[in-house]
Amino acid sequence: MNDKIKIHLLMAGTTYPLSIRRDDEETVREAARQVNVRLKQYRDYYPEASNEQLLGMVAYQFALETLRMEQRNDTAPYTAKLKELTEAIEACFKETEAPDNPPDAAPGPQTR
């Protein structure tokens, strides 16, 4: 079964025919809406700018936001630190599990 639909998006005064997955329609339409909203904001602020310049500013803004989100979600530094801490904890456990102090041994009688 082909789950694709054809839609037409209007962005910056141009209609774009697209074939998309039905499940993506809401997201795709919201993306186009956000482009148009930001384009209008820039057009209001820079009325003398060309459509091409305004679209460049919109593209730059979206690219910058995407990169910032990727940096925020980069877990590599945390993964390395967690590995380091895990190794330190495991080393401590190995020290306490010395042959004279087996982990499964029941405590012996206490003397006073």
PDB file of N, CA and C in Angstrom:
ATOM      1  N   MET A   1       0.842  -1.184   0.000  1.00  0.00           N
ATOM      2  CA  MET A   1       0.000   0.000   0.000  1.00  0.00           C
ATOM      3  C   MET A   1       0.880   1.238   0.000  1.00  0.00           C
ATOM      4  N   ASN A   2       0.625   2.166  -0.898  1.00  0.00           N
ATOM      5  CA  ASN A   2       1.381   3.400  -0.988  1.00  0.00           C
ATOM      6  C   ASN A   2       0.767   4.418  -0.036  1.00  0.00           C
ATOM      7  N   ASP A   3       1.511   4.790   0.996  1.00  0.00           N
ATOM      8  CA  ASP A   3       1.007   5.697   2.019  1.00  0.00           C
ATOM      9  C   ASP A   3       1.440   7.134   1.744  1.00  0.00           C
ATOM     10  N   LYS A   4       1.687   7.470   0.484  1.00  0.00           N
ATOM     11  CA  LYS A   4       2.110   8.828   0.124  1.00  0.00           C
ATOM     12  C   LYS A   4       0.911   9.622  -0.372  1.00  0.00           C
ATOM     13  N   ILE A   5       0.973  10.915  -0.066  1.00  0.00           N
ATOM     14  CA  ILE A   5      -0.060  11.825  -0.556  1.00  0.00           C
ATOM     15  C   ILE A   5       0.625  12.996  -1.252  1.00  0.00           C
ATOM     16  N   LYS A   6      -0.115  13.651  -2.114  1.00  0.00           N
ATOM     17  CA  LYS A   6       0.403  14.834  -2.800  1.00  0.00           C
ATOM     18  C   LYS A   6      -0.224  16.062  -2.159  1.00  0.00           C
ATOM     19  N   ILE A   7       0.632  17.013  -1.808  1.00  0.00           N
ATOM     20  CA  ILE A   7       0.149  18.261  -1.231  1.00  0.00           C
ATOM     21  C   ILE A   7       0.820  19.421  -1.967  1.00  0.00           C
ATOM     22  N   HIS A   8       0.293  20.608  -1.736  1.00  0.00           N
ATOM     23  CA  HIS A   8       0.879  21.827  -2.285  1.00  0.00           C
ATOM     24  C   HIS A   8       1.138  22.774  -1.121  1.00  0.00           C
ATOM     25  N   LEU A   9       2.383  23.191  -0.978  1.00  0.00           N
ATOM     26  CA  LEU A   9       2.753  24.127   0.079  1.00  0.00           C
ATOM     27  C   LEU A   9       3.026  25.488  -0.533  1.00  0.00           C
ATOM     28  N   LEU A  10       2.537  26.528   0.119  1.00  0.00           N
ATOM     29  CA  LEU A  10       2.810  27.888  -0.313  1.00  0.00           C
ATOM     30  C   LEU A  10       3.827  28.487   0.650  1.00  0.00           C
ATOM     31  N   MET A  11       5.015  28.752   0.133  1.00  0.00           N
ATOM     32  CA  MET A  11       6.063  29.389   0.937  1.00  0.00           C
ATOM     33  C   MET A  11       6.657  30.532   0.133  1.00  0.00           C
ATOM     34  N   ALA A  12       6.722  31.693   0.756  1.00  0.00           N
ATOM     35  CA  ALA A  12       7.323  32.878   0.143  1.00  0.00           C
ATOM     36  C   ALA A  12       6.689  33.194  -1.210  1.00  0.00           C
ATOM     37  N   GLY A  13       5.382  32.969  -1.307  1.00  0.00           N
ATOM     38  CA  GLY A  13       4.678  33.301  -2.530  1.00  0.00           C
ATOM     39  C   GLY A  13       4.806  32.281  -3.648  1.00  0.00           C
ATOM     40  N   THR A  14       5.476  31.186  -3.398  1.00  0.00           N
ATOM     41  CA  THR A  14       5.651  30.143  -4.410  1.00  0.00           C
ATOM     42  C   THR A  14       4.986  28.863  -3.922  1.00  0.00           C
ATOM     43  N   THR A  15       4.291  28.189  -4.824  1.00  0.00           N
ATOM     44  CA  THR A  15       3.652  26.918  -4.489  1.00  0.00           C
ATOM     45  C   THR A  15       4.599  25.776  -4.830  1.00  0.00           C
ATOM     46  N   TYR A  16       4.750  24.865  -3.880  1.00  0.00           N
ATOM     47  CA  TYR A  16       5.632  23.703  -4.051  1.00  0.00           C
ATOM     48  C   TYR A  16       4.802  22.430  -3.976  1.00  0.00           C
ATOM     49  N   PRO A  17       4.698  21.675  -5.072  1.00  0.00           N
ATOM     50  CA  PRO A  17       4.006  20.388  -5.016  1.00  0.00           C
ATOM     51  C   PRO A  17       4.946  19.342  -4.414  1.00  0.00           C
ATOM     52  N   LEU A  18       4.446  18.611  -3.453  1.00  0.00           N
ATOM     53  CA  LEU A  18       5.262  17.595  -2.778  1.00  0.00           C
ATOM     54  C   LEU A  18       4.504  16.287  -2.660  1.00  0.00           C
ATOM     55  N   SER A  19       5.243  15.188  -2.690  1.00  0.00           N
ATOM     56  CA  SER A  19       4.707  13.873  -2.334  1.00  0.00           C
ATOM     57  C   SER A  19       5.339  13.510  -1.005  1.00  0.00           C
ATOM     58  N   ILE A  20       4.501  13.317  -0.008  1.00  0.00           N
ATOM     59  CA  ILE A  20       5.001  13.043   1.340  1.00  0.00           C
ATOM     60  C   ILE A  20       4.249  11.867   1.939  1.00  0.00           C
ATOM     61  N   ARG A  21       4.815  11.319   3.002  1.00  0.00           N
ATOM     62  CA  ARG A  21       4.098  10.277   3.746  1.00  0.00           C
ATOM     63  C   ARG A  21       2.933  10.931   4.476  1.00  0.00           C
ATOM     64  N   ARG A  22       1.829  10.243   4.497  1.00  0.00           N
ATOM     65  CA  ARG A  22       0.630  10.768   5.158  1.00  0.00           C
ATOM     66  C   ARG A  22       0.926  11.154   6.614  1.00  0.00           C
ATOM     67  N   ASP A  23       1.732  10.345   7.294  1.00  0.00           N
ATOM     68  CA  ASP A  23       2.059  10.611   8.696  1.00  0.00           C
ATOM     69  C   ASP A  23       2.853  11.901   8.881  1.00  0.00           C
ATOM     70  N   ASP A  24       3.505  12.371   7.829  1.00  0.00           N
ATOM     71  CA  ASP A  24       4.343  13.569   7.927  1.00  0.00           C
ATOM     72  C   ASP A  24       3.611  14.852   7.560  1.00  0.00           C
ATOM     73  N   GLU A  25       2.381  14.759   7.139  1.00  0.00           N
ATOM     74  CA  GLU A  25       1.692  15.943   6.615  1.00  0.00           C
ATOM     75  C   GLU A  25       1.640  17.085   7.631  1.00  0.00           C
ATOM     76  N   GLU A  26       1.265  16.804   8.841  1.00  0.00           N
ATOM     77  CA  GLU A  26       1.155  17.862   9.850  1.00  0.00           C
ATOM     78  C   GLU A  26       2.504  18.549  10.078  1.00  0.00           C
ATOM     79  N   THR A  27       3.564  17.758  10.172  1.00  0.00           N
ATOM     80  CA  THR A  27       4.899  18.311  10.398  1.00  0.00           C
ATOM     81  C   THR A  27       5.364  19.137   9.206  1.00  0.00           C
ATOM     82  N   VAL A  28       5.128  18.634   8.007  1.00  0.00           N
ATOM     83  CA  VAL A  28       5.540  19.339   6.786  1.00  0.00           C
ATOM     84  C   VAL A  28       4.799  20.668   6.665  1.00  0.00           C
ATOM     85  N   ARG A  29       3.519  20.651   6.934  1.00  0.00           N
ATOM     86  CA  ARG A  29       2.739  21.893   6.848  1.00  0.00           C
ATOM     87  C   ARG A  29       3.166  22.888   7.933  1.00  0.00           C
ATOM     88  N   GLU A  30       3.483  22.398   9.105  1.00  0.00           N
ATOM     89  CA  GLU A  30       3.954  23.281  10.177  1.00  0.00           C
ATOM     90  C   GLU A  30       5.303  23.893   9.821  1.00  0.00           C
ATOM     91  N   ALA A  31       6.175  23.129   9.199  1.00  0.00           N
ATOM     92  CA  ALA A  31       7.473  23.660   8.771  1.00  0.00           C
ATOM     93  C   ALA A  31       7.271  24.799   7.769  1.00  0.00           C
ATOM     94  N   ALA A  32       6.379  24.609   6.814  1.00  0.00           N
ATOM     95  CA  ALA A  32       6.097  25.660   5.830  1.00  0.00           C
ATOM     96  C   ALA A  32       5.496  26.887   6.508  1.00  0.00           C
ATOM     97  N   ARG A  33       4.624  26.656   7.465  1.00  0.00           N
ATOM     98  CA  ARG A  33       4.021  27.771   8.202  1.00  0.00           C
ATOM     99  C   ARG A  33       5.097  28.570   8.928  1.00  0.00           C
ATOM    100  N   GLN A  34       6.045  27.865   9.570  1.00  0.00           N
ATOM    101  CA  GLN A  34       7.114  28.558  10.287  1.00  0.00           C
ATOM    102  C   GLN A  34       7.994  29.367   9.340  1.00  0.00           C
ATOM    103  N   VAL A  35       8.265  28.836   8.162  1.00  0.00           N
ATOM    104  CA  VAL A  35       9.039  29.592   7.167  1.00  0.00           C
ATOM    105  C   VAL A  35       8.300  30.885   6.831  1.00  0.00           C
ATOM    106  N   ASN A  36       7.004  30.791   6.570  1.00  0.00           N
ATOM    107  CA  ASN A  36       6.224  31.975   6.207  1.00  0.00           C
ATOM    108  C   ASN A  36       6.138  32.984   7.349  1.00  0.00           C
ATOM    109  N   VAL A  37       5.995  32.502   8.576  1.00  0.00           N
ATOM    110  CA  VAL A  37       5.935  33.404   9.734  1.00  0.00           C
ATOM    111  C   VAL A  37       7.252  34.156   9.880  1.00  0.00           C
ATOM    112  N   ARG A  38       8.351  33.444   9.805  1.00  0.00           N
ATOM    113  CA  ARG A  38       9.653  34.104   9.956  1.00  0.00           C
ATOM    114  C   ARG A  38       9.946  35.028   8.783  1.00  0.00           C
ATOM    115  N   LEU A  39       9.539  34.620   7.616  1.00  0.00           N
ATOM    116  CA  LEU A  39       9.732  35.474   6.446  1.00  0.00           C
ATOM    117  C   LEU A  39       8.982  36.793   6.632  1.00  0.00           C
ATOM    118  N   LYS A  40       7.752  36.718   7.131  1.00  0.00           N
ATOM    119  CA  LYS A  40       6.971  37.937   7.377  1.00  0.00           C
ATOM    120  C   LYS A  40       7.639  38.801   8.432  1.00  0.00           C
ATOM    121  N   GLN A  41       8.186  38.185   9.490  1.00  0.00           N
ATOM    122  CA  GLN A  41       8.873  38.963  10.526  1.00  0.00           C
ATOM    123  C   GLN A  41      10.058  39.724   9.936  1.00  0.00           C
ATOM    124  N   TYR A  42      10.846  39.042   9.130  1.00  0.00           N
ATOM    125  CA  TYR A  42      11.990  39.706   8.501  1.00  0.00           C
ATOM    126  C   TYR A  42      11.528  40.773   7.501  1.00  0.00           C
ATOM    127  N   ARG A  43      10.471  40.478   6.754  1.00  0.00           N
ATOM    128  CA  ARG A  43       9.968  41.442   5.768  1.00  0.00           C
ATOM    129  C   ARG A  43       9.480  42.711   6.471  1.00  0.00           C
ATOM    130  N   ASP A  44       8.826  42.545   7.624  1.00  0.00           N
ATOM    131  CA  ASP A  44       8.359  43.707   8.388  1.00  0.00           C
ATOM    132  C   ASP A  44       9.536  44.521   8.929  1.00  0.00           C
ATOM    133  N   TYR A  45      10.596  43.834   9.328  1.00  0.00           N
ATOM    134  CA  TYR A  45      11.757  44.509   9.920  1.00  0.00           C
ATOM    135  C   TYR A  45      12.673  45.100   8.848  1.00  0.00           C
ATOM    136  N   TYR A  46      12.783  44.432   7.719  1.00  0.00           N
ATOM    137  CA  TYR A  46      13.640  44.882   6.608  1.00  0.00           C
ATOM    138  C   TYR A  46      12.791  45.038   5.336  1.00  0.00           C
ATOM    139  N   PRO A  47      11.948  46.055   5.256  1.00  0.00           N
ATOM    140  CA  PRO A  47      11.047  46.172   4.101  1.00  0.00           C
ATOM    141  C   PRO A  47      11.767  46.399   2.770  1.00  0.00           C
ATOM    142  N   GLU A  48      12.990  46.878   2.815  1.00  0.00           N
ATOM    143  CA  GLU A  48      13.726  47.148   1.576  1.00  0.00           C
ATOM    144  C   GLU A  48      14.460  45.925   1.040  1.00  0.00           C
ATOM    145  N   ALA A  49      14.542  44.848   1.828  1.00  0.00           N
ATOM    146  CA  ALA A  49      15.291  43.650   1.419  1.00  0.00           C
ATOM    147  C   ALA A  49      14.520  42.869   0.353  1.00  0.00           C
ATOM    148  N   SER A  50      15.273  42.221  -0.529  1.00  0.00           N
ATOM    149  CA  SER A  50      14.650  41.387  -1.567  1.00  0.00           C
ATOM    150  C   SER A  50      14.160  40.077  -0.951  1.00  0.00           C
ATOM    151  N   ASN A  51      13.288  39.400  -1.666  1.00  0.00           N
ATOM    152  CA  ASN A  51      12.790  38.101  -1.210  1.00  0.00           C
ATOM    153  C   ASN A  51      13.954  37.122  -1.030  1.00  0.00           C
ATOM    154  N   GLU A  52      14.909  37.184  -1.942  1.00  0.00           N
ATOM    155  CA  GLU A  52      16.083  36.310  -1.866  1.00  0.00           C
ATOM    156  C   GLU A  52      16.889  36.580  -0.590  1.00  0.00           C
ATOM    157  N   GLN A  53      17.079  37.844  -0.247  1.00  0.00           N
ATOM    158  CA  GLN A  53      17.808  38.186   0.976  1.00  0.00           C
ATOM    159  C   GLN A  53      17.042  37.724   2.214  1.00  0.00           C
ATOM    160  N   LEU A  54      15.742  37.939   2.192  1.00  0.00           N
ATOM    161  CA  LEU A  54      14.921  37.534   3.332  1.00  0.00           C
ATOM    162  C   LEU A  54      14.943  36.021   3.513  1.00  0.00           C
ATOM    163  N   LEU A  55      14.838  35.278   2.413  1.00  0.00           N
ATOM    164  CA  LEU A  55      14.885  33.816   2.502  1.00  0.00           C
ATOM    165  C   LEU A  55      16.245  33.345   3.010  1.00  0.00           C
ATOM    166  N   GLY A  56      17.299  34.040   2.631  1.00  0.00           N
ATOM    167  CA  GLY A  56      18.626  33.711   3.156  1.00  0.00           C
ATOM    168  C   GLY A  56      18.682  33.887   4.664  1.00  0.00           C
ATOM    169  N   MET A  57      18.073  34.967   5.163  1.00  0.00           N
ATOM    170  CA  MET A  57      18.048  35.206   6.611  1.00  0.00           C
ATOM    171  C   MET A  57      17.244  34.126   7.330  1.00  0.00           C
ATOM    172  N   VAL A  58      16.117  33.740   6.740  1.00  0.00           N
ATOM    173  CA  VAL A  58      15.287  32.683   7.333  1.00  0.00           C
ATOM    174  C   VAL A  58      16.062  31.368   7.354  1.00  0.00           C
ATOM    175  N   ALA A  59      16.714  31.034   6.249  1.00  0.00           N
ATOM    176  CA  ALA A  59      17.499  29.791   6.189  1.00  0.00           C
ATOM    177  C   ALA A  59      18.614  29.815   7.227  1.00  0.00           C
ATOM    178  N   TYR A  60      19.290  30.955   7.355  1.00  0.00           N
ATOM    179  CA  TYR A  60      20.360  31.091   8.347  1.00  0.00           C
ATOM    180  C   TYR A  60      19.811  30.881   9.756  1.00  0.00           C
ATOM    181  N   GLN A  61      18.673  31.487  10.057  1.00  0.00           N
ATOM    182  CA  GLN A  61      18.094  31.357  11.392  1.00  0.00           C
ATOM    183  C   GLN A  61      17.758  29.897  11.709  1.00  0.00           C
ATOM    184  N   PHE A  62      17.148  29.201  10.760  1.00  0.00           N
ATOM    185  CA  PHE A  62      16.830  27.788  10.981  1.00  0.00           C
ATOM    186  C   PHE A  62      18.099  26.949  11.129  1.00  0.00           C
ATOM    187  N   ALA A  63      19.115  27.213  10.319  1.00  0.00           N
ATOM    188  CA  ALA A  63      20.373  26.460  10.407  1.00  0.00           C
ATOM    189  C   ALA A  63      21.035  26.683  11.759  1.00  0.00           C
ATOM    190  N   LEU A  64      21.045  27.916  12.226  1.00  0.00           N
ATOM    191  CA  LEU A  64      21.648  28.230  13.518  1.00  0.00           C
ATOM    192  C   LEU A  64      20.916  27.510  14.649  1.00  0.00           C
ATOM    193  N   GLU A  65      19.599  27.537  14.619  1.00  0.00           N
ATOM    194  CA  GLU A  65      18.813  26.842  15.647  1.00  0.00           C
ATOM    195  C   GLU A  65      19.065  25.339  15.613  1.00  0.00           C
ATOM    196  N   THR A  66      19.166  24.775  14.434  1.00  0.00           N
ATOM    197  CA  THR A  66      19.429  23.342  14.296  1.00  0.00           C
ATOM    198  C   THR A  66      20.782  22.983  14.892  1.00  0.00           C
ATOM    199  N   LEU A  67      21.805  23.756  14.581  1.00  0.00           N
ATOM    200  CA  LEU A  67      23.146  23.490  15.117  1.00  0.00           C
ATOM    201  C   LEU A  67      23.179  23.627  16.630  1.00  0.00           C
ATOM    202  N   ARG A  68      22.494  24.622  17.154  1.00  0.00           N
ATOM    203  CA  ARG A  68      22.456  24.800  18.617  1.00  0.00           C
ATOM    204  C   ARG A  68      21.764  23.621  19.294  1.00  0.00           C
ATOM    205  N   MET A  69      20.696  23.122  18.691  1.00  0.00           N
ATOM    206  CA  MET A  69      20.008  21.960  19.265  1.00  0.00           C
ATOM    207  C   MET A  69      20.890  20.723  19.211  1.00  0.00           C
ATOM    208  N   GLU A  70      21.623  20.544  18.114  1.00  0.00           N
ATOM    209  CA  GLU A  70      22.532  19.404  18.000  1.00  0.00           C
ATOM    210  C   GLU A  70      23.622  19.477  19.056  1.00  0.00           C
ATOM    211  N   GLN A  71      24.147  20.670  19.305  1.00  0.00           N
ATOM    212  CA  GLN A  71      25.186  20.832  20.320  1.00  0.00           C
ATOM    213  C   GLN A  71      24.628  20.553  21.706  1.00  0.00           C
ATOM    214  N   ARG A  72      23.390  20.982  21.945  1.00  0.00           N
ATOM    215  CA  ARG A  72      22.775  20.745  23.241  1.00  0.00           C
ATOM    216  C   ARG A  72      22.529  19.263  23.476  1.00  0.00           C
ATOM    217  N   ASN A  73      22.270  18.529  22.413  1.00  0.00           N
ATOM    218  CA  ASN A  73      21.976  17.104  22.521  1.00  0.00           C
ATOM    219  C   ASN A  73      23.199  16.215  22.349  1.00  0.00           C
ATOM    220  N   ASP A  74      24.382  16.800  22.223  1.00  0.00           N
ATOM    221  CA  ASP A  74      25.605  16.012  22.062  1.00  0.00           C
ATOM    222  C   ASP A  74      25.966  15.400  23.411  1.00  0.00           C
ATOM    223  N   THR A  75      25.846  14.093  23.518  1.00  0.00           N
ATOM    224  CA  THR A  75      26.097  13.419  24.791  1.00  0.00           C
ATOM    225  C   THR A  75      27.501  12.848  24.898  1.00  0.00           C
ATOM    226  N   ALA A  76      28.328  13.008  23.875  1.00  0.00           N
ATOM    227  CA  ALA A  76      29.678  12.424  23.886  1.00  0.00           C
ATOM    228  C   ALA A  76      30.502  12.854  25.102  1.00  0.00           C
ATOM    229  N   PRO A  77      30.548  14.146  25.464  1.00  0.00           N
ATOM    230  CA  PRO A  77      31.344  14.514  26.637  1.00  0.00           C
ATOM    231  C   PRO A  77      30.830  13.849  27.915  1.00  0.00           C
ATOM    232  N   TYR A  78      29.517  13.713  28.036  1.00  0.00           N
ATOM    233  CA  TYR A  78      28.938  13.097  29.224  1.00  0.00           C
ATOM    234  C   TYR A  78      29.200  11.597  29.239  1.00  0.00           C
ATOM    235  N   THR A  79      29.144  10.972  28.088  1.00  0.00           N
ATOM    236  CA  THR A  79      29.411   9.542  27.990  1.00  0.00           C
ATOM    237  C   THR A  79      30.834   9.233  28.419  1.00  0.00           C
ATOM    238  N   ALA A  80      31.790  10.038  27.986  1.00  0.00           N
ATOM    239  CA  ALA A  80      33.191   9.829  28.369  1.00  0.00           C
ATOM    240  C   ALA A  80      33.363   9.997  29.872  1.00  0.00           C
ATOM    241  N   LYS A  81      32.734  11.009  30.453  1.00  0.00           N
ATOM    242  CA  LYS A  81      32.852  11.246  31.897  1.00  0.00           C
ATOM    243  C   LYS A  81      32.186  10.109  32.670  1.00  0.00           C
ATOM    244  N   LEU A  82      31.037   9.632  32.211  1.00  0.00           N
ATOM    245  CA  LEU A  82      30.371   8.510  32.876  1.00  0.00           C
ATOM    246  C   LEU A  82      31.232   7.256  32.834  1.00  0.00           C
ATOM    247  N   LYS A  83      31.893   7.015  31.713  1.00  0.00           N
ATOM    248  CA  LYS A  83      32.780   5.856  31.601  1.00  0.00           C
ATOM    249  C   LYS A  83      33.927   5.975  32.597  1.00  0.00           C
ATOM    250  N   GLU A  84      34.498   7.170  32.694  1.00  0.00           N
ATOM    251  CA  GLU A  84      35.600   7.407  33.634  1.00  0.00           C
ATOM    252  C   GLU A  84      35.146   7.166  35.072  1.00  0.00           C
ATOM    253  N   LEU A  85      33.981   7.678  35.436  1.00  0.00           N
ATOM    254  CA  LEU A  85      33.467   7.496  36.796  1.00  0.00           C
ATOM    255  C   LEU A  85      33.116   6.036  37.070  1.00  0.00           C
ATOM    256  N   THR A  86      32.559   5.349  36.084  1.00  0.00           N
ATOM    257  CA  THR A  86      32.237   3.929  36.237  1.00  0.00           C
ATOM    258  C   THR A  86      33.493   3.116  36.494  1.00  0.00           C
ATOM    259  N   GLU A  87      34.550   3.405  35.758  1.00  0.00           N
ATOM    260  CA  GLU A  87      35.817   2.696  35.958  1.00  0.00           C
ATOM    261  C   GLU A  87      36.378   2.962  37.350  1.00  0.00           C
ATOM    262  N   ALA A  88      36.249   4.192  37.834  1.00  0.00           N
ATOM    263  CA  ALA A  88      36.734   4.523  39.173  1.00  0.00           C
ATOM    264  C   ALA A  88      35.937   3.769  40.236  1.00  0.00           C
ATOM    265  N   ILE A  89      34.628   3.694  40.066  1.00  0.00           N
ATOM    266  CA  ILE A  89      33.783   2.971  41.025  1.00  0.00           C
ATOM    267  C   ILE A  89      34.108   1.484  41.002  1.00  0.00           C
ATOM    268  N   GLU A  90      34.267   0.920  39.794  1.00  0.00           N
ATOM    269  CA  GLU A  90      34.609  -0.498  39.688  1.00  0.00           C
ATOM    270  C   GLU A  90      35.954  -0.786  40.339  1.00  0.00           C
ATOM    271  N   ALA A  91      36.900   0.117  40.212  1.00  0.00           N
ATOM    272  CA  ALA A  91      38.208  -0.064  40.846  1.00  0.00           C
ATOM    273  C   ALA A  91      38.057  -0.072  42.361  1.00  0.00           C
ATOM    274  N   CYS A  92      37.203   0.779  42.895  1.00  0.00           N
ATOM    275  CA  CYS A  92      36.966   0.802  44.344  1.00  0.00           C
ATOM    276  C   CYS A  92      36.337  -0.504  44.810  1.00  0.00           C
ATOM    277  N   PHE A  93      35.385  -1.033  44.048  1.00  0.00           N
ATOM    278  CA  PHE A  93      34.764  -2.299  44.408  1.00  0.00           C
ATOM    279  C   PHE A  93      35.784  -3.430  44.390  1.00  0.00           C
ATOM    280  N   LYS A  94      36.674  -3.429  43.424  1.00  0.00           N
ATOM    281  CA  LYS A  94      37.696  -4.473  43.349  1.00  0.00           C
ATOM    282  C   LYS A  94      38.613  -4.425  44.554  1.00  0.00           C
ATOM    283  N   GLU A  95      38.913  -3.225  45.035  1.00  0.00           N
ATOM    284  CA  GLU A  95      39.768  -3.084  46.217  1.00  0.00           C
ATOM    285  C   GLU A  95      39.079  -3.636  47.458  1.00  0.00           C
ATOM    286  N   THR A  96      37.774  -3.428  47.580  1.00  0.00           N
ATOM    287  CA  THR A  96      37.057  -3.906  48.766  1.00  0.00           C
ATOM    288  C   THR A  96      36.752  -5.394  48.691  1.00  0.00           C
ATOM    289  N   GLU A  97      36.877  -5.997  47.508  1.00  0.00           N
ATOM    290  CA  GLU A  97      36.627  -7.421  47.340  1.00  0.00           C
ATOM    291  C   GLU A  97      37.930  -8.211  47.370  1.00  0.00           C
ATOM    292  N   ALA A  98      38.833  -7.780  48.184  1.00  0.00           N
ATOM    293  CA  ALA A  98      40.113  -8.484  48.309  1.00  0.00           C
ATOM    294  C   ALA A  98      39.862  -9.865  48.892  1.00  0.00           C
ATOM    295  N   PRO A  99      40.782 -10.852  48.687  1.00  0.00           N
ATOM    296  CA  PRO A  99      40.591 -12.221  49.166  1.00  0.00           C
ATOM    297  C   PRO A  99      40.306 -12.306  50.663  1.00  0.00           C
ATOM    298  N   ASP A 100      40.848 -11.406  51.464  1.00  0.00           N
ATOM    299  CA  ASP A 100      40.601 -11.470  52.903  1.00  0.00           C
ATOM    300  C   ASP A 100      39.239 -10.880  53.265  1.00  0.00           C
ATOM    301  N   ASN A 101      38.525 -10.327  52.313  1.00  0.00           N
ATOM    302  CA  ASN A 101      37.215  -9.748  52.557  1.00  0.00           C
ATOM    303  C   ASN A 101      36.272 -10.129  51.415  1.00  0.00           C
ATOM    304  N   PRO A 102      35.954 -11.438  51.260  1.00  0.00           N
ATOM    305  CA  PRO A 102      35.101 -11.866  50.156  1.00  0.00           C
ATOM    306  C   PRO A 102      33.710 -11.243  50.267  1.00  0.00           C
ATOM    307  N   PRO A 103      33.089 -10.898  49.158  1.00  0.00           N
ATOM    308  CA  PRO A 103      31.812 -10.197  49.193  1.00  0.00           C
ATOM    309  C   PRO A 103      30.647 -11.041  49.683  1.00  0.00           C
ATOM    310  N   ASP A 104      30.699 -12.377  49.512  1.00  0.00           N
ATOM    311  CA  ASP A 104      29.576 -13.220  49.899  1.00  0.00           C
ATOM    312  C   ASP A 104      29.739 -13.836  51.284  1.00  0.00           C
ATOM    313  N   ALA A 105      30.817 -13.543  51.950  1.00  0.00           N
ATOM    314  CA  ALA A 105      31.057 -14.146  53.264  1.00  0.00           C
ATOM    315  C   ALA A 105      30.180 -13.476  54.308  1.00  0.00           C
ATOM    316  N   ALA A 106      29.627 -14.307  55.178  1.00  0.00           N
ATOM    317  CA  ALA A 106      28.824 -13.775  56.273  1.00  0.00           C
ATOM    318  C   ALA A 106      29.762 -13.187  57.312  1.00  0.00           C
ATOM    319  N   PRO A 107      29.342 -12.140  57.963  1.00  0.00           N
ATOM    320  CA  PRO A 107      30.218 -11.552  58.980  1.00  0.00           C
ATOM    321  C   PRO A 107      30.467 -12.545  60.109  1.00  0.00           C
ATOM    322  N   GLY A 108      31.665 -12.567  60.576  1.00  0.00           N
ATOM    323  CA  GLY A 108      32.036 -13.470  61.664  1.00  0.00           C
ATOM    324  C   GLY A 108      31.581 -12.918  63.003  1.00  0.00           C
ATOM    325  N   PRO A 109      31.774 -13.717  64.051  1.00  0.00           N
ATOM    326  CA  PRO A 109      31.370 -13.247  65.384  1.00  0.00           C
ATOM    327  C   PRO A 109      32.228 -12.056  65.795  1.00  0.00           C
ATOM    328  N   GLN A 110      31.587 -11.150  66.452  1.00  0.00           N
ATOM    329  CA  GLN A 110      32.309  -9.968  66.895  1.00  0.00           C
ATOM    330  C   GLN A 110      32.876 -10.218  68.277  1.00  0.00           C
ATOM    331  N   THR A 111      34.092  -9.778  68.471  1.00  0.00           N
ATOM    332  CA  THR A 111      34.721  -9.915  69.790  1.00  0.00           C
ATOM    333  C   THR A 111      34.778  -8.554  70.432  1.00  0.00           C
ATOM    334  N   ARG A 112      34.703  -8.595  71.756  1.00  0.00           N
ATOM    335  CA  ARG A 112      34.762  -7.335  72.494  1.00  0.00           C
ATOM    336  C   ARG A 112      35.974  -7.273  73.307  1.00  0.00           C
TER     337      ARG A 112
END
